[in-house]
Structures are given as structure tokens and as C-alpha cells.
């Protein structure tokens, strides 16, 4: 098994994608740190997002997420709404301004994917998606098993 070359390929792919995203974000003049973008994405993609669910999904400390949420609220990108099922938590919702920023972020991601897949055929993309999903599932299974042991 070519461990080293696979490791290098995954590492290189990850950095290439990250570079394209950062370049697209710069060109779109989106003035948000990466963590804030990820938090906003989580809120826009989950109608019942809470600070706790975002922290768990991102595998980050709740205090770190709370700071990002406060910044997003201050920037009028998100608002808090009462959670009728749990008075201790609040749902997080994007504002119209937040949805506009998210649309720009989505456009950046689409552009980055187009750049990276420009010379690939549909069969190659299908195979890549299947293989990368299997690899991610394997890694998540190991992580979940180790979490259960601790």
C-alpha cells in the first residue's frame, strides 16, 4: 500500500482546495474568519441549529463557538430565536444579510470545485466521490469507536 503517496495526495488536495477557497473569499471580499464562515454555514444548513449543535458538529469548544456567534450577531448575519422545546437553548437563524453572504460563500465553493474538477470526466468524479466518501466513513468509524472507549 503506497501510504506515503496517499498521505501526500490527500494533504496536497486539502491544501489546494483550501487555497482556492481563500482566494475566492478574498475576491468576493468576504470579511469573515474561516471559523465564522463554518458557523454561518452550519446555521444556514440546519433550521434547528443551536450553539451546542454547532459546537458538536464542528468539534470545537462551546466558548469558541459562542464568540463566533456573538460576532455574527453583531454583524447582523444571524439572530437567536426561542427554542420552544428547551428554554435553556436558542435556535440560530440567518438574517437576510446572512443569507446573502452565504450565497456568496456558496458561489466561492462552486467556483473552487469547478477549478479542481475542470479536467475530470463524470466517471472520474463519480469514482472520486465514492472512494473519498468510503475513506471518510472509515475515519469517522474509527473516531466514533475511540470516543466510545474513553
N, C-alpha and C. Protein backbone atom coordinates (compact mmCIF):
# COMPACT_ATOMS: atom_id res chain seq x y z
N UNK A 1 0.85 -1.20 0.00
CA UNK A 1 0.00 0.00 0.00
C UNK A 1 0.88 1.24 0.00
N UNK A 2 0.67 2.15 -0.91
CA UNK A 2 1.50 3.35 -1.01
C UNK A 2 1.07 4.43 -0.01
N UNK A 3 1.30 4.17 1.30
CA UNK A 3 0.85 5.07 2.36
C UNK A 3 1.34 6.50 2.15
N UNK A 4 2.65 6.62 1.92
CA UNK A 4 3.23 7.95 1.83
C UNK A 4 2.64 8.75 0.67
N UNK A 5 2.50 8.16 -0.48
CA UNK A 5 1.97 8.90 -1.61
C UNK A 5 0.49 9.22 -1.42
N UNK A 6 -0.26 8.33 -0.78
CA UNK A 6 -1.67 8.62 -0.50
C UNK A 6 -1.77 9.76 0.50
N UNK A 7 -0.95 9.71 1.53
CA UNK A 7 -0.93 10.77 2.53
C UNK A 7 -0.59 12.10 1.88
N UNK A 8 0.41 12.10 1.04
CA UNK A 8 0.81 13.34 0.36
C UNK A 8 -0.29 13.83 -0.58
N UNK A 9 -0.95 12.92 -1.27
CA UNK A 9 -2.02 13.30 -2.20
C UNK A 9 -3.20 13.93 -1.45
N UNK A 10 -3.59 13.33 -0.34
CA UNK A 10 -4.70 13.87 0.46
C UNK A 10 -4.32 15.24 1.01
N UNK A 11 -3.10 15.33 1.54
CA UNK A 11 -2.61 16.59 2.10
C UNK A 11 -2.59 17.68 1.02
N UNK A 12 -2.06 17.35 -0.14
CA UNK A 12 -1.97 18.32 -1.25
C UNK A 12 -3.35 18.75 -1.73
N UNK A 13 -4.28 17.79 -1.83
CA UNK A 13 -5.64 18.08 -2.27
C UNK A 13 -6.32 19.02 -1.28
N UNK A 14 -6.18 18.72 0.00
CA UNK A 14 -6.79 19.54 1.04
C UNK A 14 -6.27 20.98 0.97
N UNK A 15 -4.95 21.11 0.82
CA UNK A 15 -4.37 22.45 0.77
C UNK A 15 -4.74 23.19 -0.52
N UNK A 16 -4.83 22.48 -1.62
CA UNK A 16 -5.23 23.11 -2.88
C UNK A 16 -6.66 23.65 -2.77
N UNK A 17 -7.55 22.85 -2.21
CA UNK A 17 -8.95 23.27 -2.05
C UNK A 17 -9.03 24.46 -1.10
N UNK A 18 -8.33 24.40 0.02
CA UNK A 18 -8.32 25.49 0.98
C UNK A 18 -7.79 26.77 0.34
N UNK A 19 -6.72 26.64 -0.44
CA UNK A 19 -6.15 27.81 -1.12
C UNK A 19 -7.17 28.44 -2.07
N UNK A 20 -7.85 27.61 -2.85
CA UNK A 20 -8.86 28.14 -3.77
C UNK A 20 -10.00 28.82 -3.01
N UNK A 21 -10.43 28.21 -1.91
CA UNK A 21 -11.50 28.83 -1.12
C UNK A 21 -11.06 30.19 -0.59
N UNK A 22 -9.85 30.24 -0.04
CA UNK A 22 -9.36 31.52 0.50
C UNK A 22 -9.24 32.57 -0.61
N UNK A 23 -8.78 32.14 -1.77
CA UNK A 23 -8.67 33.07 -2.90
C UNK A 23 -10.05 33.58 -3.32
N UNK A 24 -11.01 32.69 -3.40
CA UNK A 24 -12.38 33.08 -3.76
C UNK A 24 -13.00 34.00 -2.72
N UNK A 25 -12.77 33.71 -1.45
CA UNK A 25 -13.29 34.54 -0.37
C UNK A 25 -12.67 35.94 -0.43
N UNK A 26 -11.37 35.98 -0.73
CA UNK A 26 -10.69 37.27 -0.87
C UNK A 26 -11.28 38.06 -2.04
N UNK A 27 -11.47 37.38 -3.18
CA UNK A 27 -12.02 38.06 -4.36
C UNK A 27 -13.45 38.54 -4.13
N UNK A 28 -14.22 37.78 -3.37
CA UNK A 28 -15.60 38.16 -3.05
C UNK A 28 -15.66 39.20 -1.94
N UNK A 29 -14.51 39.51 -1.37
CA UNK A 29 -14.41 40.49 -0.27
C UNK A 29 -15.30 40.11 0.91
N UNK A 30 -15.27 38.83 1.25
CA UNK A 30 -16.00 38.34 2.41
C UNK A 30 -15.05 38.50 3.61
N UNK A 31 -15.41 39.38 4.52
CA UNK A 31 -14.53 39.75 5.64
C UNK A 31 -14.85 38.92 6.88
N UNK A 32 -14.84 37.61 6.75
CA UNK A 32 -15.10 36.74 7.90
C UNK A 32 -13.98 35.72 8.04
N UNK A 33 -13.58 35.45 9.29
CA UNK A 33 -12.61 34.36 9.51
C UNK A 33 -13.24 33.02 9.12
N UNK A 34 -12.39 32.04 8.88
CA UNK A 34 -12.85 30.71 8.46
C UNK A 34 -13.83 30.11 9.46
N UNK A 35 -13.54 30.22 10.75
CA UNK A 35 -14.44 29.67 11.76
C UNK A 35 -15.83 30.29 11.66
N UNK A 36 -15.90 31.58 11.46
CA UNK A 36 -17.18 32.27 11.34
C UNK A 36 -17.94 31.80 10.09
N UNK A 37 -17.20 31.58 9.01
CA UNK A 37 -17.84 31.07 7.78
C UNK A 37 -18.41 29.69 8.04
N UNK A 38 -17.64 28.83 8.71
CA UNK A 38 -18.13 27.48 9.00
C UNK A 38 -19.35 27.51 9.92
N UNK A 39 -19.36 28.40 10.89
CA UNK A 39 -20.50 28.53 11.79
C UNK A 39 -21.72 29.02 11.01
N UNK A 40 -21.54 30.03 10.18
CA UNK A 40 -22.65 30.54 9.37
C UNK A 40 -23.20 29.45 8.46
N UNK A 41 -22.31 28.68 7.85
CA UNK A 41 -22.75 27.57 7.00
C UNK A 41 -23.60 26.58 7.81
N UNK A 42 -23.14 26.24 9.00
CA UNK A 42 -23.88 25.30 9.85
C UNK A 42 -25.26 25.82 10.19
N UNK A 43 -25.36 27.10 10.45
CA UNK A 43 -26.66 27.70 10.78
C UNK A 43 -27.57 27.74 9.56
N UNK A 44 -27.03 28.09 8.42
CA UNK A 44 -27.83 28.16 7.20
C UNK A 44 -28.30 26.78 6.73
N UNK A 45 -27.54 25.75 7.02
CA UNK A 45 -27.86 24.39 6.56
C UNK A 45 -28.75 23.61 7.54
N UNK A 46 -28.91 24.13 8.76
CA UNK A 46 -29.67 23.42 9.78
C UNK A 46 -30.69 24.36 10.40
N UNK A 47 -31.95 24.15 10.08
CA UNK A 47 -33.01 25.03 10.57
C UNK A 47 -33.15 25.01 12.09
N UNK A 48 -32.64 23.97 12.74
CA UNK A 48 -32.74 23.87 14.20
C UNK A 48 -31.37 23.95 14.86
N UNK A 49 -30.49 24.76 14.28
CA UNK A 49 -29.14 24.90 14.82
C UNK A 49 -29.18 25.60 16.17
N UNK A 50 -28.37 25.09 17.09
CA UNK A 50 -28.15 25.72 18.39
C UNK A 50 -26.65 25.87 18.57
N UNK A 51 -26.25 26.65 19.55
CA UNK A 51 -24.82 26.78 19.82
C UNK A 51 -24.21 25.42 20.11
N UNK A 52 -24.92 24.61 20.88
CA UNK A 52 -24.42 23.27 21.24
C UNK A 52 -24.29 22.38 20.00
N UNK A 53 -25.27 22.40 19.11
CA UNK A 53 -25.21 21.54 17.92
C UNK A 53 -24.09 21.99 16.97
N UNK A 54 -23.87 23.28 16.88
CA UNK A 54 -22.78 23.79 16.04
C UNK A 54 -21.43 23.38 16.63
N UNK A 55 -21.27 23.53 17.94
CA UNK A 55 -20.01 23.16 18.61
C UNK A 55 -19.73 21.67 18.42
N UNK A 56 -20.75 20.86 18.56
CA UNK A 56 -20.58 19.41 18.40
C UNK A 56 -20.22 19.05 16.96
N UNK A 57 -20.92 19.63 16.02
CA UNK A 57 -20.68 19.33 14.60
C UNK A 57 -19.28 19.76 14.17
N UNK A 58 -18.82 20.91 14.68
CA UNK A 58 -17.51 21.42 14.31
C UNK A 58 -16.39 20.86 15.19
N UNK A 59 -16.78 20.14 16.23
CA UNK A 59 -15.83 19.58 17.19
C UNK A 59 -14.95 20.69 17.78
N UNK A 60 -15.63 21.72 18.24
CA UNK A 60 -14.96 22.88 18.84
C UNK A 60 -15.56 23.14 20.23
N UNK A 61 -14.80 23.81 21.04
CA UNK A 61 -15.24 24.23 22.36
C UNK A 61 -16.43 25.18 22.24
N UNK A 62 -17.43 25.02 23.12
CA UNK A 62 -18.62 25.85 23.02
C UNK A 62 -18.28 27.33 23.22
N UNK A 63 -17.28 27.64 24.06
CA UNK A 63 -16.88 29.04 24.28
C UNK A 63 -16.36 29.67 22.98
N UNK A 64 -15.60 28.91 22.21
CA UNK A 64 -15.08 29.40 20.93
C UNK A 64 -16.23 29.67 19.96
N UNK A 65 -17.19 28.76 19.93
CA UNK A 65 -18.36 28.93 19.06
C UNK A 65 -19.19 30.13 19.51
N UNK A 66 -19.34 30.28 20.82
CA UNK A 66 -20.10 31.41 21.36
C UNK A 66 -19.49 32.74 20.93
N UNK A 67 -18.16 32.84 20.95
CA UNK A 67 -17.51 34.07 20.49
C UNK A 67 -17.82 34.33 19.01
N UNK A 68 -17.75 33.29 18.19
CA UNK A 68 -18.07 33.44 16.76
C UNK A 68 -19.54 33.85 16.59
N UNK A 69 -20.42 33.23 17.35
CA UNK A 69 -21.85 33.57 17.26
C UNK A 69 -22.08 35.02 17.63
N UNK A 70 -21.43 35.47 18.69
CA UNK A 70 -21.59 36.87 19.10
C UNK A 70 -21.12 37.82 18.00
N UNK A 71 -20.03 37.49 17.34
CA UNK A 71 -19.54 38.31 16.23
C UNK A 71 -20.53 38.31 15.07
N UNK A 72 -21.11 37.14 14.77
CA UNK A 72 -22.08 37.04 13.66
C UNK A 72 -23.36 37.80 13.99
N UNK A 73 -23.77 37.78 15.27
CA UNK A 73 -24.94 38.56 15.70
C UNK A 73 -24.64 40.05 15.57
N UNK A 74 -23.46 40.46 16.04
CA UNK A 74 -23.06 41.87 15.96
C UNK A 74 -23.00 42.36 14.51
N UNK A 75 -22.62 41.47 13.60
CA UNK A 75 -22.55 41.82 12.18
C UNK A 75 -23.91 41.71 11.48
N UNK A 76 -24.96 41.39 12.25
CA UNK A 76 -26.33 41.24 11.73
C UNK A 76 -26.46 40.13 10.70
N UNK A 77 -25.65 39.06 10.86
CA UNK A 77 -25.71 37.93 9.95
C UNK A 77 -26.60 36.81 10.48
N UNK A 78 -26.77 36.76 11.81
CA UNK A 78 -27.65 35.76 12.42
C UNK A 78 -28.43 36.40 13.57
N UNK A 79 -29.50 35.73 13.97
CA UNK A 79 -30.28 36.12 15.15
C UNK A 79 -30.58 34.87 15.95
N UNK A 80 -30.91 35.08 17.22
CA UNK A 80 -31.34 33.99 18.08
C UNK A 80 -32.86 33.99 18.15
N UNK A 81 -33.44 32.77 18.21
CA UNK A 81 -34.89 32.62 18.34
C UNK A 81 -35.17 31.63 19.46
N UNK A 82 -36.26 31.83 20.18
CA UNK A 82 -36.60 30.93 21.27
C UNK A 82 -36.77 29.50 20.77
N UNK A 83 -36.27 28.55 21.57
CA UNK A 83 -36.46 27.13 21.30
C UNK A 83 -37.61 26.68 22.19
N UNK A 84 -38.79 26.41 21.60
CA UNK A 84 -39.95 26.05 22.42
C UNK A 84 -39.78 24.71 23.15
N UNK A 85 -38.85 23.88 22.71
CA UNK A 85 -38.65 22.58 23.34
C UNK A 85 -37.65 22.62 24.49
N UNK A 86 -36.84 23.66 24.55
CA UNK A 86 -35.80 23.75 25.58
C UNK A 86 -35.50 25.22 25.85
N UNK A 87 -35.98 25.72 26.97
CA UNK A 87 -35.80 27.14 27.29
C UNK A 87 -34.34 27.51 27.55
N UNK A 88 -33.49 26.50 27.76
CA UNK A 88 -32.07 26.76 28.03
C UNK A 88 -31.28 27.03 26.75
N UNK A 89 -31.84 26.69 25.60
CA UNK A 89 -31.12 26.91 24.33
C UNK A 89 -31.97 27.76 23.39
N UNK A 90 -31.30 28.28 22.41
CA UNK A 90 -31.98 29.10 21.41
C UNK A 90 -31.59 28.61 20.02
N UNK A 91 -32.56 28.69 19.10
CA UNK A 91 -32.26 28.38 17.71
C UNK A 91 -31.51 29.56 17.10
N UNK A 92 -30.64 29.26 16.17
CA UNK A 92 -29.87 30.29 15.46
C UNK A 92 -30.37 30.35 14.03
N UNK A 93 -30.67 31.54 13.58
CA UNK A 93 -31.25 31.73 12.23
C UNK A 93 -30.45 32.77 11.46
N UNK A 94 -30.25 32.54 10.17
CA UNK A 94 -29.58 33.59 9.38
C UNK A 94 -30.55 34.74 9.11
N UNK A 95 -30.02 35.93 9.06
CA UNK A 95 -30.81 37.10 8.66
C UNK A 95 -30.78 37.17 7.13
N UNK A 96 -31.57 38.04 6.54
CA UNK A 96 -31.46 38.22 5.09
C UNK A 96 -30.02 38.57 4.67
N UNK A 97 -29.35 39.40 5.45
CA UNK A 97 -27.95 39.75 5.16
C UNK A 97 -27.07 38.49 5.26
N UNK A 98 -27.33 37.66 6.27
CA UNK A 98 -26.57 36.41 6.43
C UNK A 98 -26.79 35.47 5.26
N UNK A 99 -28.03 35.40 4.77
CA UNK A 99 -28.31 34.53 3.61
C UNK A 99 -27.60 35.05 2.36
N UNK A 100 -27.48 36.35 2.22
CA UNK A 100 -26.77 36.93 1.06
C UNK A 100 -25.27 36.58 1.13
N UNK A 101 -24.69 36.68 2.32
CA UNK A 101 -23.28 36.31 2.49
C UNK A 101 -23.11 34.82 2.20
N UNK A 102 -24.06 34.01 2.68
CA UNK A 102 -23.98 32.57 2.44
C UNK A 102 -24.07 32.26 0.95
N UNK A 103 -24.87 32.98 0.22
CA UNK A 103 -24.97 32.78 -1.24
C UNK A 103 -23.62 33.08 -1.90
N UNK A 104 -22.92 34.09 -1.41
CA UNK A 104 -21.60 34.40 -1.95
C UNK A 104 -20.59 33.31 -1.60
N UNK A 105 -20.69 32.77 -0.39
CA UNK A 105 -19.81 31.68 0.03
C UNK A 105 -20.09 30.44 -0.82
N UNK A 106 -21.37 30.15 -1.06
CA UNK A 106 -21.73 29.01 -1.92
C UNK A 106 -21.14 29.19 -3.31
N UNK A 107 -21.17 30.41 -3.83
CA UNK A 107 -20.62 30.68 -5.16
C UNK A 107 -19.10 30.44 -5.17
N UNK A 108 -18.43 30.82 -4.09
CA UNK A 108 -16.98 30.59 -3.97
C UNK A 108 -16.70 29.09 -3.97
N UNK A 109 -17.47 28.33 -3.20
CA UNK A 109 -17.26 26.88 -3.15
C UNK A 109 -17.50 26.24 -4.51
N UNK A 110 -18.55 26.68 -5.19
CA UNK A 110 -18.85 26.15 -6.52
C UNK A 110 -17.71 26.46 -7.49
N UNK A 111 -17.17 27.67 -7.43
CA UNK A 111 -16.05 28.07 -8.27
C UNK A 111 -14.82 27.21 -7.98
N UNK A 112 -14.53 26.99 -6.70
CA UNK A 112 -13.37 26.19 -6.32
C UNK A 112 -13.50 24.76 -6.85
N UNK A 113 -14.69 24.19 -6.72
CA UNK A 113 -14.91 22.83 -7.23
C UNK A 113 -14.76 22.80 -8.75
N UNK A 114 -15.29 23.79 -9.42
CA UNK A 114 -15.16 23.84 -10.89
C UNK A 114 -13.69 23.89 -11.30
N UNK A 115 -12.89 24.67 -10.56
CA UNK A 115 -11.47 24.77 -10.88
C UNK A 115 -10.78 23.42 -10.70
N UNK A 116 -11.12 22.73 -9.62
CA UNK A 116 -10.43 21.48 -9.29
C UNK A 116 -10.88 20.31 -10.16
N UNK A 117 -12.08 20.38 -10.69
CA UNK A 117 -12.61 19.25 -11.45
C UNK A 117 -12.66 19.52 -12.95
N UNK A 118 -12.07 20.62 -13.39
CA UNK A 118 -12.16 21.05 -14.79
C UNK A 118 -11.72 19.98 -15.79
N UNK A 119 -10.72 19.19 -15.45
CA UNK A 119 -10.19 18.21 -16.41
C UNK A 119 -10.63 16.78 -16.09
N UNK A 120 -11.67 16.64 -15.28
CA UNK A 120 -12.16 15.31 -14.92
C UNK A 120 -13.48 15.02 -15.62
N UNK A 121 -13.63 13.78 -16.03
CA UNK A 121 -14.89 13.34 -16.62
C UNK A 121 -15.87 12.92 -15.53
N UNK A 122 -17.11 12.72 -15.89
CA UNK A 122 -18.13 12.37 -14.90
C UNK A 122 -17.84 11.02 -14.24
N UNK A 123 -17.29 10.06 -14.99
CA UNK A 123 -16.94 8.77 -14.38
C UNK A 123 -15.84 8.93 -13.34
N UNK A 124 -14.86 9.78 -13.64
CA UNK A 124 -13.78 10.02 -12.68
C UNK A 124 -14.31 10.71 -11.43
N UNK A 125 -15.20 11.66 -11.61
CA UNK A 125 -15.79 12.35 -10.45
C UNK A 125 -16.62 11.38 -9.60
N UNK A 126 -17.40 10.54 -10.24
CA UNK A 126 -18.20 9.57 -9.52
C UNK A 126 -17.32 8.63 -8.71
N UNK A 127 -16.26 8.14 -9.32
CA UNK A 127 -15.32 7.26 -8.62
C UNK A 127 -14.65 7.99 -7.46
N UNK A 128 -14.20 9.23 -7.69
CA UNK A 128 -13.57 10.01 -6.62
C UNK A 128 -14.52 10.19 -5.44
N UNK A 129 -15.75 10.55 -5.73
CA UNK A 129 -16.73 10.76 -4.67
C UNK A 129 -16.96 9.48 -3.87
N UNK A 130 -17.07 8.36 -4.57
CA UNK A 130 -17.29 7.08 -3.89
C UNK A 130 -16.09 6.72 -3.01
N UNK A 131 -14.89 6.83 -3.55
CA UNK A 131 -13.68 6.46 -2.80
C UNK A 131 -13.47 7.41 -1.62
N UNK A 132 -13.61 8.72 -1.85
CA UNK A 132 -13.38 9.67 -0.75
C UNK A 132 -14.44 9.52 0.34
N UNK A 133 -15.67 9.22 -0.03
CA UNK A 133 -16.72 9.00 0.98
C UNK A 133 -16.41 7.76 1.81
N UNK A 134 -15.96 6.70 1.16
CA UNK A 134 -15.59 5.48 1.88
C UNK A 134 -14.44 5.75 2.85
N UNK A 135 -13.44 6.50 2.40
CA UNK A 135 -12.31 6.82 3.27
C UNK A 135 -12.76 7.67 4.46
N UNK A 136 -13.62 8.65 4.22
CA UNK A 136 -14.12 9.49 5.31
C UNK A 136 -14.96 8.66 6.28
N UNK A 137 -15.79 7.77 5.75
CA UNK A 137 -16.60 6.89 6.61
C UNK A 137 -15.70 6.01 7.48
N UNK A 138 -14.63 5.47 6.90
CA UNK A 138 -13.69 4.65 7.66
C UNK A 138 -13.09 5.45 8.81
N UNK A 139 -12.66 6.67 8.52
CA UNK A 139 -12.05 7.52 9.54
C UNK A 139 -13.06 7.86 10.63
N UNK A 140 -14.29 8.19 10.25
CA UNK A 140 -15.32 8.52 11.23
C UNK A 140 -15.66 7.31 12.11
N UNK A 141 -15.69 6.14 11.51
CA UNK A 141 -15.99 4.92 12.27
C UNK A 141 -14.92 4.70 13.34
N UNK A 142 -13.67 4.88 12.97
CA UNK A 142 -12.57 4.73 13.94
C UNK A 142 -12.70 5.79 15.04
N UNK A 143 -12.97 7.04 14.66
CA UNK A 143 -13.10 8.11 15.65
C UNK A 143 -14.26 7.83 16.60
N UNK A 144 -15.38 7.36 16.07
CA UNK A 144 -16.54 7.06 16.91
C UNK A 144 -16.26 5.90 17.85
N UNK A 145 -15.52 4.90 17.37
CA UNK A 145 -15.15 3.76 18.20
C UNK A 145 -14.25 4.22 19.35
N UNK A 146 -13.28 5.08 19.04
CA UNK A 146 -12.37 5.57 20.07
C UNK A 146 -13.09 6.46 21.06
N UNK A 147 -14.08 7.25 20.65
CA UNK A 147 -14.86 8.08 21.56
C UNK A 147 -15.63 7.21 22.54
N UNK A 148 -16.14 6.09 22.04
CA UNK A 148 -16.91 5.18 22.89
C UNK A 148 -16.04 4.49 23.93
N UNK A 149 -14.76 4.38 23.65
CA UNK A 149 -13.84 3.72 24.57
C UNK A 149 -13.40 4.64 25.69
N UNK A 150 -13.45 5.95 25.47
CA UNK A 150 -12.96 6.87 26.52
C UNK A 150 -14.03 7.30 27.48
